[in-house]
Amino acid sequence: MILGADMMQRAVAVPAAIVLVIQGFVILFVVAADLILRKPELLEKFKGFLPKKYRKGGETD
């Protein structure tokens, strides 16, 4: 992944630190999605943090 960050930095003139942050977010979201697919009860646990209008069956304003 670091090689990709270097190539992107040279091709688009984006700082390598920004590329590494973006790669970190991609890894975070992939791991989180895999975790939620393997353990759907975690999604139910974290739905309590969402406002009611975003929960399934919640109010729509």
PDB file of N, CA and C in Angstrom:
ATOM      1  N   MET A   1       0.818  -1.193   0.000  1.00  0.00           N
ATOM      2  CA  MET A   1       0.000   0.000   0.000  1.00  0.00           C
ATOM      3  C   MET A   1       0.862   1.256   0.000  1.00  0.00           C
ATOM      4  N   ILE A   2       1.998   1.185   0.618  1.00  0.00           N
ATOM      5  CA  ILE A   2       2.876   2.358   0.644  1.00  0.00           C
ATOM      6  C   ILE A   2       3.391   2.654  -0.756  1.00  0.00           C
ATOM      7  N   LEU A   3       3.643   1.604  -1.539  1.00  0.00           N
ATOM      8  CA  LEU A   3       4.076   1.804  -2.913  1.00  0.00           C
ATOM      9  C   LEU A   3       2.998   2.547  -3.696  1.00  0.00           C
ATOM     10  N   GLY A   4       1.727   2.179  -3.478  1.00  0.00           N
ATOM     11  CA  GLY A   4       0.617   2.874  -4.135  1.00  0.00           C
ATOM     12  C   GLY A   4       0.539   4.325  -3.712  1.00  0.00           C
ATOM     13  N   ALA A   5       0.812   4.598  -2.432  1.00  0.00           N
ATOM     14  CA  ALA A   5       0.798   5.982  -1.941  1.00  0.00           C
ATOM     15  C   ALA A   5       1.881   6.794  -2.633  1.00  0.00           C
ATOM     16  N   ASP A   6       3.046   6.208  -2.799  1.00  0.00           N
ATOM     17  CA  ASP A   6       4.137   6.914  -3.484  1.00  0.00           C
ATOM     18  C   ASP A   6       3.793   7.192  -4.943  1.00  0.00           C
ATOM     19  N   MET A   7       3.209   6.195  -5.609  1.00  0.00           N
ATOM     20  CA  MET A   7       2.844   6.378  -7.017  1.00  0.00           C
ATOM     21  C   MET A   7       1.774   7.455  -7.169  1.00  0.00           C
ATOM     22  N   MET A   8       0.786   7.457  -6.272  1.00  0.00           N
ATOM     23  CA  MET A   8      -0.274   8.456  -6.349  1.00  0.00           C
ATOM     24  C   MET A   8       0.277   9.847  -6.045  1.00  0.00           C
ATOM     25  N   GLN A   9       1.216   9.907  -5.118  1.00  0.00           N
ATOM     26  CA  GLN A   9       1.811  11.195  -4.779  1.00  0.00           C
ATOM     27  C   GLN A   9       2.525  11.781  -5.998  1.00  0.00           C
ATOM     28  N   ARG A  10       3.233  10.952  -6.714  1.00  0.00           N
ATOM     29  CA  ARG A  10       3.962  11.446  -7.888  1.00  0.00           C
ATOM     30  C   ARG A  10       3.024  11.779  -9.034  1.00  0.00           C
ATOM     31  N   ALA A  11       1.997  10.956  -9.234  1.00  0.00           N
ATOM     32  CA  ALA A  11       1.108  11.147 -10.378  1.00  0.00           C
ATOM     33  C   ALA A  11       0.188  12.361 -10.213  1.00  0.00           C
ATOM     34  N   VAL A  12      -0.313  12.595  -9.005  1.00  0.00           N
ATOM     35  CA  VAL A  12      -1.329  13.619  -8.805  1.00  0.00           C
ATOM     36  C   VAL A  12      -0.832  14.756  -7.915  1.00  0.00           C
ATOM     37  N   ALA A  13       0.350  14.632  -7.393  1.00  0.00           N
ATOM     38  CA  ALA A  13       0.939  15.628  -6.494  1.00  0.00           C
ATOM     39  C   ALA A  13       0.132  15.778  -5.208  1.00  0.00           C
ATOM     40  N   VAL A  14      -0.333  14.642  -4.686  1.00  0.00           N
ATOM     41  CA  VAL A  14      -1.046  14.616  -3.403  1.00  0.00           C
ATOM     42  C   VAL A  14      -0.025  14.218  -2.343  1.00  0.00           C
ATOM     43  N   PRO A  15      -0.003  14.905  -1.205  1.00  0.00           N
ATOM     44  CA  PRO A  15       0.939  14.531  -0.157  1.00  0.00           C
ATOM     45  C   PRO A  15       0.751  13.072   0.287  1.00  0.00           C
ATOM     46  N   ALA A  16       1.840  12.391   0.538  1.00  0.00           N
ATOM     47  CA  ALA A  16       1.786  10.976   0.913  1.00  0.00           C
ATOM     48  C   ALA A  16       0.988  10.767   2.191  1.00  0.00           C
ATOM     49  N   ALA A  17       1.019  11.735   3.096  1.00  0.00           N
ATOM     50  CA  ALA A  17       0.263  11.600   4.344  1.00  0.00           C
ATOM     51  C   ALA A  17      -1.236  11.536   4.071  1.00  0.00           C
ATOM     52  N   ILE A  18      -1.716  12.328   3.126  1.00  0.00           N
ATOM     53  CA  ILE A  18      -3.138  12.315   2.777  1.00  0.00           C
ATOM     54  C   ILE A  18      -3.503  10.964   2.171  1.00  0.00           C
ATOM     55  N   VAL A  19      -2.664  10.445   1.307  1.00  0.00           N
ATOM     56  CA  VAL A  19      -2.915   9.149   0.686  1.00  0.00           C
ATOM     57  C   VAL A  19      -2.964   8.052   1.749  1.00  0.00           C
ATOM     58  N   LEU A  20      -2.068   8.106   2.706  1.00  0.00           N
ATOM     59  CA  LEU A  20      -2.062   7.104   3.774  1.00  0.00           C
ATOM     60  C   LEU A  20      -3.318   7.197   4.641  1.00  0.00           C
ATOM     61  N   VAL A  21      -3.793   8.408   4.888  1.00  0.00           N
ATOM     62  CA  VAL A  21      -5.034   8.581   5.651  1.00  0.00           C
ATOM     63  C   VAL A  21      -6.212   7.986   4.884  1.00  0.00           C
ATOM     64  N   ILE A  22      -6.283   8.246   3.596  1.00  0.00           N
ATOM     65  CA  ILE A  22      -7.361   7.687   2.771  1.00  0.00           C
ATOM     66  C   ILE A  22      -7.294   6.161   2.775  1.00  0.00           C
ATOM     67  N   GLN A  23      -6.097   5.616   2.632  1.00  0.00           N
ATOM     68  CA  GLN A  23      -5.941   4.160   2.675  1.00  0.00           C
ATOM     69  C   GLN A  23      -6.364   3.600   4.031  1.00  0.00           C
ATOM     70  N   GLY A  24      -6.066   4.323   5.095  1.00  0.00           N
ATOM     71  CA  GLY A  24      -6.477   3.892   6.428  1.00  0.00           C
ATOM     72  C   GLY A  24      -7.989   3.841   6.565  1.00  0.00           C
ATOM     73  N   PHE A  25      -8.671   4.858   6.017  1.00  0.00           N
ATOM     74  CA  PHE A  25     -10.133   4.858   6.055  1.00  0.00           C
ATOM     75  C   PHE A  25     -10.710   3.700   5.250  1.00  0.00           C
ATOM     76  N   VAL A  26     -10.120   3.419   4.108  1.00  0.00           N
ATOM     77  CA  VAL A  26     -10.595   2.291   3.291  1.00  0.00           C
ATOM     78  C   VAL A  26     -10.462   0.991   4.069  1.00  0.00           C
ATOM     79  N   ILE A  27      -9.318   0.780   4.698  1.00  0.00           N
ATOM     80  CA  ILE A  27      -9.116  -0.438   5.488  1.00  0.00           C
ATOM     81  C   ILE A  27     -10.109  -0.499   6.644  1.00  0.00           C
ATOM     82  N   LEU A  28     -10.314   0.627   7.314  1.00  0.00           N
ATOM     83  CA  LEU A  28     -11.254   0.685   8.434  1.00  0.00           C
ATOM     84  C   LEU A  28     -12.663   0.299   7.992  1.00  0.00           C
ATOM     85  N   PHE A  29     -13.132   0.854   6.877  1.00  0.00           N
ATOM     86  CA  PHE A  29     -14.479   0.550   6.407  1.00  0.00           C
ATOM     87  C   PHE A  29     -14.614  -0.892   5.923  1.00  0.00           C
ATOM     88  N   VAL A  30     -13.589  -1.427   5.294  1.00  0.00           N
ATOM     89  CA  VAL A  30     -13.639  -2.823   4.851  1.00  0.00           C
ATOM     90  C   VAL A  30     -13.707  -3.764   6.051  1.00  0.00           C
ATOM     91  N   VAL A  31     -12.892  -3.510   7.051  1.00  0.00           N
ATOM     92  CA  VAL A  31     -12.897  -4.354   8.250  1.00  0.00           C
ATOM     93  C   VAL A  31     -14.221  -4.221   8.996  1.00  0.00           C
ATOM     94  N   ALA A  32     -14.739  -2.994   9.108  1.00  0.00           N
ATOM     95  CA  ALA A  32     -16.019  -2.782   9.793  1.00  0.00           C
ATOM     96  C   ALA A  32     -17.154  -3.484   9.064  1.00  0.00           C
ATOM     97  N   ALA A  33     -17.173  -3.408   7.744  1.00  0.00           N
ATOM     98  CA  ALA A  33     -18.221  -4.076   6.965  1.00  0.00           C
ATOM     99  C   ALA A  33     -18.141  -5.586   7.151  1.00  0.00           C
ATOM    100  N   ASP A  34     -16.939  -6.129   7.135  1.00  0.00           N
ATOM    101  CA  ASP A  34     -16.768  -7.568   7.333  1.00  0.00           C
ATOM    102  C   ASP A  34     -17.243  -7.981   8.727  1.00  0.00           C
ATOM    103  N   LEU A  35     -16.913  -7.179   9.715  1.00  0.00           N
ATOM    104  CA  LEU A  35     -17.318  -7.467  11.083  1.00  0.00           C
ATOM    105  C   LEU A  35     -18.841  -7.440  11.230  1.00  0.00           C
ATOM    106  N   ILE A  36     -19.474  -6.451  10.619  1.00  0.00           N
ATOM    107  CA  ILE A  36     -20.936  -6.352  10.698  1.00  0.00           C
ATOM    108  C   ILE A  36     -21.600  -7.507   9.959  1.00  0.00           C
ATOM    109  N   LEU A  37     -21.036  -7.928   8.833  1.00  0.00           N
ATOM    110  CA  LEU A  37     -21.611  -9.064   8.111  1.00  0.00           C
ATOM    111  C   LEU A  37     -21.464 -10.360   8.891  1.00  0.00           C
ATOM    112  N   ARG A  38     -20.368 -10.502   9.605  1.00  0.00           N
ATOM    113  CA  ARG A  38     -20.156 -11.722  10.386  1.00  0.00           C
ATOM    114  C   ARG A  38     -20.949 -11.730  11.688  1.00  0.00           C
ATOM    115  N   LYS A  39     -21.149 -10.531  12.281  1.00  0.00           N
ATOM    116  CA  LYS A  39     -21.862 -10.430  13.557  1.00  0.00           C
ATOM    117  C   LYS A  39     -22.922  -9.331  13.459  1.00  0.00           C
ATOM    118  N   PRO A  40     -24.078  -9.638  12.889  1.00  0.00           N
ATOM    119  CA  PRO A  40     -25.109  -8.603  12.704  1.00  0.00           C
ATOM    120  C   PRO A  40     -25.629  -8.016  14.016  1.00  0.00           C
ATOM    121  N   GLU A  41     -25.445  -8.717  15.128  1.00  0.00           N
ATOM    122  CA  GLU A  41     -25.902  -8.177  16.412  1.00  0.00           C
ATOM    123  C   GLU A  41     -25.144  -6.910  16.799  1.00  0.00           C
ATOM    124  N   LEU A  42     -23.948  -6.742  16.273  1.00  0.00           N
ATOM    125  CA  LEU A  42     -23.194  -5.507  16.532  1.00  0.00           C
ATOM    126  C   LEU A  42     -23.884  -4.297  15.915  1.00  0.00           C
ATOM    127  N   LEU A  43     -24.487  -4.494  14.743  1.00  0.00           N
ATOM    128  CA  LEU A  43     -25.208  -3.398  14.097  1.00  0.00           C
ATOM    129  C   LEU A  43     -26.382  -2.969  14.959  1.00  0.00           C
ATOM    130  N   GLU A  44     -27.102  -3.925  15.524  1.00  0.00           N
ATOM    131  CA  GLU A  44     -28.226  -3.597  16.395  1.00  0.00           C
ATOM    132  C   GLU A  44     -27.742  -2.846  17.640  1.00  0.00           C
ATOM    133  N   LYS A  45     -26.601  -3.239  18.149  1.00  0.00           N
ATOM    134  CA  LYS A  45     -26.058  -2.596  19.344  1.00  0.00           C
ATOM    135  C   LYS A  45     -25.722  -1.124  19.083  1.00  0.00           C
ATOM    136  N   PHE A  46     -25.174  -0.832  17.918  1.00  0.00           N
ATOM    137  CA  PHE A  46     -24.743   0.526  17.617  1.00  0.00           C
ATOM    138  C   PHE A  46     -25.851   1.393  17.028  1.00  0.00           C
ATOM    139  N   LYS A  47     -27.012   0.814  16.716  1.00  0.00           N
ATOM    140  CA  LYS A  47     -28.123   1.621  16.219  1.00  0.00           C
ATOM    141  C   LYS A  47     -28.611   2.603  17.273  1.00  0.00           C
ATOM    142  N   GLY A  48     -28.347   2.326  18.530  1.00  0.00           N
ATOM    143  CA  GLY A  48     -28.741   3.231  19.597  1.00  0.00           C
ATOM    144  C   GLY A  48     -28.046   4.576  19.521  1.00  0.00           C
ATOM    145  N   PHE A  49     -26.939   4.670  18.823  1.00  0.00           N
ATOM    146  CA  PHE A  49     -26.212   5.925  18.685  1.00  0.00           C
ATOM    147  C   PHE A  49     -26.775   6.813  17.579  1.00  0.00           C
ATOM    148  N   LEU A  50     -27.617   6.237  16.716  1.00  0.00           N
ATOM    149  CA  LEU A  50     -28.184   6.993  15.604  1.00  0.00           C
ATOM    150  C   LEU A  50     -29.420   7.774  16.047  1.00  0.00           C
ATOM    151  N   PRO A  51     -29.666   8.928  15.434  1.00  0.00           N
ATOM    152  CA  PRO A  51     -30.930   9.620  15.701  1.00  0.00           C
ATOM    153  C   PRO A  51     -32.105   8.748  15.263  1.00  0.00           C
ATOM    154  N   LYS A  52     -33.268   8.941  15.872  1.00  0.00           N
ATOM    155  CA  LYS A  52     -34.424   8.079  15.608  1.00  0.00           C
ATOM    156  C   LYS A  52     -34.824   8.050  14.145  1.00  0.00           C
ATOM    157  N   LYS A  53     -34.671   9.164  13.439  1.00  0.00           N
ATOM    158  CA  LYS A  53     -35.136   9.180  12.049  1.00  0.00           C
ATOM    159  C   LYS A  53     -34.298   8.279  11.143  1.00  0.00           C
ATOM    160  N   TYR A  54     -33.102   7.887  11.589  1.00  0.00           N
ATOM    161  CA  TYR A  54     -32.256   7.004  10.786  1.00  0.00           C
ATOM    162  C   TYR A  54     -32.400   5.542  11.173  1.00  0.00           C
ATOM    163  N   ARG A  55     -33.099   5.278  12.243  1.00  0.00           N
ATOM    164  CA  ARG A  55     -33.315   3.892  12.658  1.00  0.00           C
ATOM    165  C   ARG A  55     -34.464   3.296  11.874  1.00  0.00           C
ATOM    166  N   LYS A  56     -34.446   1.982  11.736  1.00  0.00           N
ATOM    167  CA  LYS A  56     -35.527   1.285  11.027  1.00  0.00           C
ATOM    168  C   LYS A  56     -36.824   1.473  11.810  1.00  0.00           C
ATOM    169  N   GLY A  57     -37.858   1.954  11.128  1.00  0.00           N
ATOM    170  CA  GLY A  57     -39.134   2.166  11.775  1.00  0.00           C
ATOM    171  C   GLY A  57     -39.193   3.457  12.579  1.00  0.00           C
ATOM    172  N   GLY A  58     -38.182   4.319  12.407  1.00  0.00           N
ATOM    173  CA  GLY A  58     -38.151   5.568  13.162  1.00  0.00           C
ATOM    174  C   GLY A  58     -39.043   6.634  12.555  1.00  0.00           C
ATOM    175  N   GLU A  59     -39.152   7.743  13.250  1.00  0.00           N
ATOM    176  CA  GLU A  59     -39.969   8.851  12.766  1.00  0.00           C
ATOM    177  C   GLU A  59     -39.301   9.514  11.574  1.00  0.00           C
ATOM    178  N   THR A  60     -40.124  10.002  10.666  1.00  0.00           N
ATOM    179  CA  THR A  60     -39.579  10.763   9.527  1.00  0.00           C
ATOM    180  C   THR A  60     -40.069  12.186   9.639  1.00  0.00           C
ATOM    181  N   ASP A  61     -39.160  13.114   9.641  1.00  0.00           N
ATOM    182  CA  ASP A  61     -39.531  14.543   9.746  1.00  0.00           C
ATOM    183  C   ASP A  61     -39.363  15.224   8.415  1.00  0.00           C
TER     184      ASP A  61
END
